[in-house]
């Protein structure tokens, strides 16, 4: 599978799980699943950049804070 397909599949998986969370009432009804997936992916990429390139010892903490903030904003 070419790398771009795995990235598309990853984003689609996050969108699908997000739709399930919306349907179950865990996330807001007006949440955009594709935007949520985009932001989760952005957090992942930022973490990778901070760890691999910048050797930021705070990367894990920053990633958790960013992800927790995203989840809190998505909650119903």
PDB file of N, CA and C in Angstrom:
ATOM      1  N   UNK A   1       0.856  -1.176   0.000  1.00  0.00           N
ATOM      2  CA  UNK A   1       0.000   0.000   0.000  1.00  0.00           C
ATOM      3  C   UNK A   1       0.905   1.243   0.000  1.00  0.00           C
ATOM      4  N   UNK A   2       0.717   2.127  -0.960  1.00  0.00           N
ATOM      5  CA  UNK A   2       1.520   3.366  -0.980  1.00  0.00           C
ATOM      6  C   UNK A   2       1.264   4.195   0.282  1.00  0.00           C
ATOM      7  N   UNK A   3       2.284   4.937   0.724  1.00  0.00           N
ATOM      8  CA  UNK A   3       2.151   5.716   1.968  1.00  0.00           C
ATOM      9  C   UNK A   3       0.955   6.652   1.987  1.00  0.00           C
ATOM     10  N   UNK A   4       0.627   7.250   0.844  1.00  0.00           N
ATOM     11  CA  UNK A   4      -0.494   8.194   0.844  1.00  0.00           C
ATOM     12  C   UNK A   4      -1.802   7.478   1.158  1.00  0.00           C
ATOM     13  N   UNK A   5      -1.934   6.232   0.704  1.00  0.00           N
ATOM     14  CA  UNK A   5      -3.163   5.483   1.000  1.00  0.00           C
ATOM     15  C   UNK A   5      -3.289   5.188   2.489  1.00  0.00           C
ATOM     16  N   UNK A   6      -2.180   4.879   3.125  1.00  0.00           N
ATOM     17  CA  UNK A   6      -2.253   4.606   4.556  1.00  0.00           C
ATOM     18  C   UNK A   6      -2.625   5.873   5.330  1.00  0.00           C
ATOM     19  N   UNK A   7      -2.179   7.033   4.855  1.00  0.00           N
ATOM     20  CA  UNK A   7      -2.547   8.295   5.504  1.00  0.00           C
ATOM     21  C   UNK A   7      -4.034   8.577   5.324  1.00  0.00           C
ATOM     22  N   UNK A   8      -4.539   8.354   4.120  1.00  0.00           N
ATOM     23  CA  UNK A   8      -5.969   8.544   3.855  1.00  0.00           C
ATOM     24  C   UNK A   8      -6.787   7.581   4.716  1.00  0.00           C
ATOM     25  N   UNK A   9      -6.346   6.329   4.786  1.00  0.00           N
ATOM     26  CA  UNK A   9      -7.047   5.341   5.622  1.00  0.00           C
ATOM     27  C   UNK A   9      -7.039   5.761   7.092  1.00  0.00           C
ATOM     28  N   UNK A  10      -5.923   6.288   7.569  1.00  0.00           N
ATOM     29  CA  UNK A  10      -5.807   6.752   8.960  1.00  0.00           C
ATOM     30  C   UNK A  10      -6.825   7.860   9.231  1.00  0.00           C
ATOM     31  N   UNK A  11      -6.880   8.853   8.340  1.00  0.00           N
ATOM     32  CA  UNK A  11      -7.821   9.964   8.522  1.00  0.00           C
ATOM     33  C   UNK A  11      -9.265   9.475   8.456  1.00  0.00           C
ATOM     34  N   UNK A  12      -9.546   8.546   7.548  1.00  0.00           N
ATOM     35  CA  UNK A  12     -10.902   7.992   7.446  1.00  0.00           C
ATOM     36  C   UNK A  12     -11.270   7.213   8.696  1.00  0.00           C
ATOM     37  N   UNK A  13     -10.324   6.481   9.261  1.00  0.00           N
ATOM     38  CA  UNK A  13     -10.584   5.743  10.503  1.00  0.00           C
ATOM     39  C   UNK A  13     -10.940   6.695  11.641  1.00  0.00           C
ATOM     40  N   UNK A  14     -10.170   7.758  11.787  1.00  0.00           N
ATOM     41  CA  UNK A  14     -10.461   8.728  12.846  1.00  0.00           C
ATOM     42  C   UNK A  14     -11.830   9.358  12.617  1.00  0.00           C
ATOM     43  N   UNK A  15     -12.146   9.696  11.369  1.00  0.00           N
ATOM     44  CA  UNK A  15     -13.457  10.281  11.056  1.00  0.00           C
ATOM     45  C   UNK A  15     -14.586   9.316  11.393  1.00  0.00           C
ATOM     46  N   UNK A  16     -14.403   8.049  11.077  1.00  0.00           N
ATOM     47  CA  UNK A  16     -15.424   7.033  11.352  1.00  0.00           C
ATOM     48  C   UNK A  16     -15.645   6.863  12.849  1.00  0.00           C
ATOM     49  N   UNK A  17     -14.567   6.796  13.609  1.00  0.00           N
ATOM     50  CA  UNK A  17     -14.675   6.666  15.061  1.00  0.00           C
ATOM     51  C   UNK A  17     -15.340   7.913  15.648  1.00  0.00           C
ATOM     52  N   UNK A  18     -15.006   9.068  15.085  1.00  0.00           N
ATOM     53  CA  UNK A  18     -15.611  10.317  15.544  1.00  0.00           C
ATOM     54  C   UNK A  18     -17.115  10.311  15.292  1.00  0.00           C
ATOM     55  N   UNK A  19     -17.518   9.849  14.118  1.00  0.00           N
ATOM     56  CA  UNK A  19     -18.957   9.745  13.825  1.00  0.00           C
ATOM     57  C   UNK A  19     -19.655   8.826  14.823  1.00  0.00           C
ATOM     58  N   UNK A  20     -19.006   7.736  15.197  1.00  0.00           N
ATOM     59  CA  UNK A  20     -19.579   6.828  16.200  1.00  0.00           C
ATOM     60  C   UNK A  20     -19.723   7.536  17.551  1.00  0.00           C
ATOM     61  N   UNK A  21     -18.716   8.316  17.932  1.00  0.00           N
ATOM     62  CA  UNK A  21     -18.778   9.052  19.205  1.00  0.00           C
ATOM     63  C   UNK A  21     -19.902  10.082  19.174  1.00  0.00           C
ATOM     64  N   UNK A  22     -20.130  10.690  18.017  1.00  0.00           N
ATOM     65  CA  UNK A  22     -21.237  11.642  17.870  1.00  0.00           C
ATOM     66  C   UNK A  22     -22.563  10.899  18.003  1.00  0.00           C
ATOM     67  N   UNK A  23     -22.687   9.778  17.300  1.00  0.00           N
ATOM     68  CA  UNK A  23     -23.930   8.989  17.331  1.00  0.00           C
ATOM     69  C   UNK A  23     -24.235   8.468  18.730  1.00  0.00           C
ATOM     70  N   UNK A  24     -23.204   8.144  19.495  1.00  0.00           N
ATOM     71  CA  UNK A  24     -23.381   7.632  20.863  1.00  0.00           C
ATOM     72  C   UNK A  24     -23.635   8.744  21.874  1.00  0.00           C
ATOM     73  N   UNK A  25     -23.490   9.990  21.432  1.00  0.00           N
ATOM     74  CA  UNK A  25     -23.732  11.108  22.330  1.00  0.00           C
ATOM     75  C   UNK A  25     -22.520  11.547  23.131  1.00  0.00           C
ATOM     76  N   UNK A  26     -21.363  10.983  22.819  1.00  0.00           N
ATOM     77  CA  UNK A  26     -20.148  11.352  23.535  1.00  0.00           C
ATOM     78  C   UNK A  26     -19.541  12.655  23.019  1.00  0.00           C
ATOM     79  N   UNK A  27     -19.715  12.916  21.731  1.00  0.00           N
ATOM     80  CA  UNK A  27     -19.214  14.143  21.109  1.00  0.00           C
ATOM     81  C   UNK A  27     -20.395  14.980  20.637  1.00  0.00           C
ATOM     82  N   UNK A  28     -20.157  16.289  20.495  1.00  0.00           N
ATOM     83  CA  UNK A  28     -21.196  17.228  20.051  1.00  0.00           C
ATOM     84  C   UNK A  28     -21.757  16.822  18.688  1.00  0.00           C
ATOM     85  N   UNK A  29     -23.028  17.061  18.504  1.00  0.00           N
ATOM     86  CA  UNK A  29     -23.675  16.747  17.231  1.00  0.00           C
ATOM     87  C   UNK A  29     -23.157  17.595  16.083  1.00  0.00           C
ATOM     88  N   UNK A  30     -22.697  18.809  16.383  1.00  0.00           N
ATOM     89  CA  UNK A  30     -22.229  19.699  15.323  1.00  0.00           C
ATOM     90  C   UNK A  30     -20.729  19.554  15.025  1.00  0.00           C
ATOM     91  N   UNK A  31     -20.081  18.574  15.646  1.00  0.00           N
ATOM     92  CA  UNK A  31     -18.657  18.357  15.423  1.00  0.00           C
ATOM     93  C   UNK A  31     -18.414  17.860  13.997  1.00  0.00           C
ATOM     94  N   UNK A  32     -17.442  18.422  13.320  1.00  0.00           N
ATOM     95  CA  UNK A  32     -17.072  18.012  11.967  1.00  0.00           C
ATOM     96  C   UNK A  32     -16.050  16.879  12.073  1.00  0.00           C
ATOM     97  N   UNK A  33     -16.414  15.643  11.730  1.00  0.00           N
ATOM     98  CA  UNK A  33     -15.501  14.508  11.884  1.00  0.00           C
ATOM     99  C   UNK A  33     -14.209  14.645  11.083  1.00  0.00           C
ATOM    100  N   UNK A  34     -14.304  15.205   9.889  1.00  0.00           N
ATOM    101  CA  UNK A  34     -13.095  15.363   9.077  1.00  0.00           C
ATOM    102  C   UNK A  34     -12.151  16.413   9.683  1.00  0.00           C
ATOM    103  N   UNK A  35     -12.718  17.483  10.215  1.00  0.00           N
ATOM    104  CA  UNK A  35     -11.885  18.501  10.868  1.00  0.00           C
ATOM    105  C   UNK A  35     -11.239  17.931  12.121  1.00  0.00           C
ATOM    106  N   UNK A  36     -12.004  17.154  12.875  1.00  0.00           N
ATOM    107  CA  UNK A  36     -11.463  16.525  14.077  1.00  0.00           C
ATOM    108  C   UNK A  36     -10.298  15.611  13.710  1.00  0.00           C
ATOM    109  N   UNK A  37     -10.475  14.802  12.660  1.00  0.00           N
ATOM    110  CA  UNK A  37      -9.408  13.910  12.201  1.00  0.00           C
ATOM    111  C   UNK A  37      -8.174  14.711  11.790  1.00  0.00           C
ATOM    112  N   UNK A  38      -8.389  15.813  11.090  1.00  0.00           N
ATOM    113  CA  UNK A  38      -7.297  16.683  10.664  1.00  0.00           C
ATOM    114  C   UNK A  38      -6.507  17.192  11.867  1.00  0.00           C
ATOM    115  N   UNK A  39      -7.216  17.594  12.908  1.00  0.00           N
ATOM    116  CA  UNK A  39      -6.559  18.132  14.092  1.00  0.00           C
ATOM    117  C   UNK A  39      -5.832  17.044  14.889  1.00  0.00           C
ATOM    118  N   UNK A  40      -6.411  15.854  14.975  1.00  0.00           N
ATOM    119  CA  UNK A  40      -5.717  14.741  15.636  1.00  0.00           C
ATOM    120  C   UNK A  40      -4.424  14.433  14.874  1.00  0.00           C
ATOM    121  N   UNK A  41      -4.525  14.387  13.567  1.00  0.00           N
ATOM    122  CA  UNK A  41      -3.349  14.111  12.745  1.00  0.00           C
ATOM    123  C   UNK A  41      -2.298  15.214  12.921  1.00  0.00           C
ATOM    124  N   UNK A  42      -2.740  16.450  13.009  1.00  0.00           N
ATOM    125  CA  UNK A  42      -1.822  17.555  13.228  1.00  0.00           C
ATOM    126  C   UNK A  42      -1.086  17.433  14.548  1.00  0.00           C
ATOM    127  N   UNK A  43      -1.781  17.007  15.583  1.00  0.00           N
ATOM    128  CA  UNK A  43      -1.147  16.799  16.885  1.00  0.00           C
ATOM    129  C   UNK A  43      -0.098  15.689  16.775  1.00  0.00           C
ATOM    130  N   UNK A  44      -0.449  14.635  16.065  1.00  0.00           N
ATOM    131  CA  UNK A  44       0.503  13.529  15.868  1.00  0.00           C
ATOM    132  C   UNK A  44       1.758  14.010  15.148  1.00  0.00           C
ATOM    133  N   UNK A  45       1.576  14.783  14.092  1.00  0.00           N
ATOM    134  CA  UNK A  45       2.724  15.285  13.336  1.00  0.00           C
ATOM    135  C   UNK A  45       3.569  16.256  14.166  1.00  0.00           C
ATOM    136  N   UNK A  46       2.910  17.100  14.943  1.00  0.00           N
ATOM    137  CA  UNK A  46       3.637  18.036  15.802  1.00  0.00           C
ATOM    138  C   UNK A  46       4.471  17.277  16.829  1.00  0.00           C
ATOM    139  N   UNK A  47       3.902  16.229  17.383  1.00  0.00           N
ATOM    140  CA  UNK A  47       4.636  15.412  18.354  1.00  0.00           C
ATOM    141  C   UNK A  47       5.866  14.790  17.700  1.00  0.00           C
ATOM    142  N   UNK A  48       5.669  14.208  16.541  1.00  0.00           N
ATOM    143  CA  UNK A  48       6.783  13.580  15.827  1.00  0.00           C
ATOM    144  C   UNK A  48       7.896  14.594  15.553  1.00  0.00           C
ATOM    145  N   UNK A  49       7.526  15.763  15.106  1.00  0.00           N
ATOM    146  CA  UNK A  49       8.486  16.832  14.815  1.00  0.00           C
ATOM    147  C   UNK A  49       9.246  17.244  16.083  1.00  0.00           C
ATOM    148  N   UNK A  50       8.500  17.430  17.158  1.00  0.00           N
ATOM    149  CA  UNK A  50       9.118  17.873  18.410  1.00  0.00           C
ATOM    150  C   UNK A  50      10.078  16.827  18.971  1.00  0.00           C
ATOM    151  N   UNK A  51       9.706  15.567  18.870  1.00  0.00           N
ATOM    152  CA  UNK A  51      10.538  14.497  19.421  1.00  0.00           C
ATOM    153  C   UNK A  51      11.746  14.223  18.523  1.00  0.00           C
ATOM    154  N   UNK A  52      11.484  14.011  17.244  1.00  0.00           N
ATOM    155  CA  UNK A  52      12.551  13.563  16.339  1.00  0.00           C
ATOM    156  C   UNK A  52      13.512  14.673  15.921  1.00  0.00           C
ATOM    157  N   UNK A  53      12.971  15.828  15.603  1.00  0.00           N
ATOM    158  CA  UNK A  53      13.812  16.904  15.093  1.00  0.00           C
ATOM    159  C   UNK A  53      14.324  17.829  16.190  1.00  0.00           C
ATOM    160  N   UNK A  54      13.409  18.232  17.061  1.00  0.00           N
ATOM    161  CA  UNK A  54      13.764  19.216  18.084  1.00  0.00           C
ATOM    162  C   UNK A  54      14.275  18.602  19.382  1.00  0.00           C
ATOM    163  N   UNK A  55      14.061  17.296  19.557  1.00  0.00           N
ATOM    164  CA  UNK A  55      14.460  16.615  20.791  1.00  0.00           C
ATOM    165  C   UNK A  55      13.880  17.312  22.026  1.00  0.00           C
ATOM    166  N   UNK A  56      12.630  17.735  21.886  1.00  0.00           N
ATOM    167  CA  UNK A  56      11.932  18.468  22.947  1.00  0.00           C
ATOM    168  C   UNK A  56      11.507  17.507  24.052  1.00  0.00           C
ATOM    169  N   UNK A  57      12.081  17.672  25.206  1.00  0.00           N
ATOM    170  CA  UNK A  57      11.752  16.803  26.333  1.00  0.00           C
ATOM    171  C   UNK A  57      10.324  17.018  26.832  1.00  0.00           C
ATOM    172  N   UNK A  58       9.704  18.106  26.446  1.00  0.00           N
ATOM    173  CA  UNK A  58       8.331  18.409  26.856  1.00  0.00           C
ATOM    174  C   UNK A  58       7.306  17.946  25.821  1.00  0.00           C
ATOM    175  N   UNK A  59       7.756  17.290  24.769  1.00  0.00           N
ATOM    176  CA  UNK A  59       6.858  16.904  23.675  1.00  0.00           C
ATOM    177  C   UNK A  59       5.693  16.037  24.154  1.00  0.00           C
ATOM    178  N   UNK A  60       5.968  15.064  24.983  1.00  0.00           N
ATOM    179  CA  UNK A  60       4.900  14.190  25.474  1.00  0.00           C
ATOM    180  C   UNK A  60       3.852  14.959  26.260  1.00  0.00           C
ATOM    181  N   UNK A  61       4.309  15.833  27.137  1.00  0.00           N
ATOM    182  CA  UNK A  61       3.387  16.641  27.939  1.00  0.00           C
ATOM    183  C   UNK A  61       2.576  17.568  27.044  1.00  0.00           C
ATOM    184  N   UNK A  62       3.244  18.216  26.118  1.00  0.00           N
ATOM    185  CA  UNK A  62       2.554  19.139  25.210  1.00  0.00           C
ATOM    186  C   UNK A  62       1.527  18.400  24.357  1.00  0.00           C
ATOM    187  N   UNK A  63       1.884  17.212  23.912  1.00  0.00           N
ATOM    188  CA  UNK A  63       0.971  16.408  23.096  1.00  0.00           C
ATOM    189  C   UNK A  63      -0.266  16.022  23.893  1.00  0.00           C
ATOM    190  N   UNK A  64      -0.062  15.582  25.127  1.00  0.00           N
ATOM    191  CA  UNK A  64      -1.210  15.222  25.976  1.00  0.00           C
ATOM    192  C   UNK A  64      -2.124  16.419  26.204  1.00  0.00           C
ATOM    193  N   UNK A  65      -1.543  17.581  26.473  1.00  0.00           N
ATOM    194  CA  UNK A  65      -2.343  18.784  26.699  1.00  0.00           C
ATOM    195  C   UNK A  65      -3.147  19.133  25.443  1.00  0.00           C
ATOM    196  N   UNK A  66      -2.495  19.095  24.287  1.00  0.00           N
ATOM    197  CA  UNK A  66      -3.184  19.417  23.030  1.00  0.00           C
ATOM    198  C   UNK A  66      -4.320  18.435  22.767  1.00  0.00           C
ATOM    199  N   UNK A  67      -4.056  17.136  22.956  1.00  0.00           N
ATOM    200  CA  UNK A  67      -5.075  16.131  22.693  1.00  0.00           C
ATOM    201  C   UNK A  67      -6.232  16.240  23.685  1.00  0.00           C
ATOM    202  N   UNK A  68      -5.916  16.423  24.955  1.00  0.00           N
ATOM    203  CA  UNK A  68      -6.975  16.576  25.956  1.00  0.00           C
ATOM    204  C   UNK A  68      -7.832  17.799  25.680  1.00  0.00           C
ATOM    205  N   UNK A  69      -7.226  18.863  25.207  1.00  0.00           N
ATOM    206  CA  UNK A  69      -7.969  20.069  24.856  1.00  0.00           C
ATOM    207  C   UNK A  69      -8.897  19.810  23.680  1.00  0.00           C
ATOM    208  N   UNK A  70      -8.392  19.089  22.686  1.00  0.00           N
ATOM    209  CA  UNK A  70      -9.219  18.750  21.521  1.00  0.00           C
ATOM    210  C   UNK A  70     -10.414  17.887  21.931  1.00  0.00           C
ATOM    211  N   UNK A  71     -10.166  16.897  22.765  1.00  0.00           N
ATOM    212  CA  UNK A  71     -11.254  16.026  23.236  1.00  0.00           C
ATOM    213  C   UNK A  71     -12.263  16.822  24.051  1.00  0.00           C
ATOM    214  N   UNK A  72     -11.786  17.691  24.930  1.00  0.00           N
ATOM    215  CA  UNK A  72     -12.704  18.491  25.759  1.00  0.00           C
ATOM    216  C   UNK A  72     -13.589  19.376  24.884  1.00  0.00           C
ATOM    217  N   UNK A  73     -13.035  19.933  23.838  1.00  0.00           N
ATOM    218  CA  UNK A  73     -13.819  20.788  22.939  1.00  0.00           C
ATOM    219  C   UNK A  73     -14.824  19.980  22.126  1.00  0.00           C
ATOM    220  N   UNK A  74     -14.549  18.697  21.930  1.00  0.00           N
ATOM    221  CA  UNK A  74     -15.440  17.847  21.127  1.00  0.00           C
ATOM    222  C   UNK A  74     -16.575  17.253  21.945  1.00  0.00           C
ATOM    223  N   UNK A  75     -16.409  17.207  23.250  1.00  0.00           N
ATOM    224  CA  UNK A  75     -17.398  16.538  24.094  1.00  0.00           C
ATOM    225  C   UNK A  75     -18.777  17.201  24.009  1.00  0.00           C
ATOM    226  N   UNK A  76     -19.780  16.348  24.170  1.00  0.00           N
ATOM    227  CA  UNK A  76     -21.168  16.812  24.137  1.00  0.00           C
ATOM    228  C   UNK A  76     -21.476  17.618  25.380  1.00  0.00           C
TER     229      UNK A  76
END
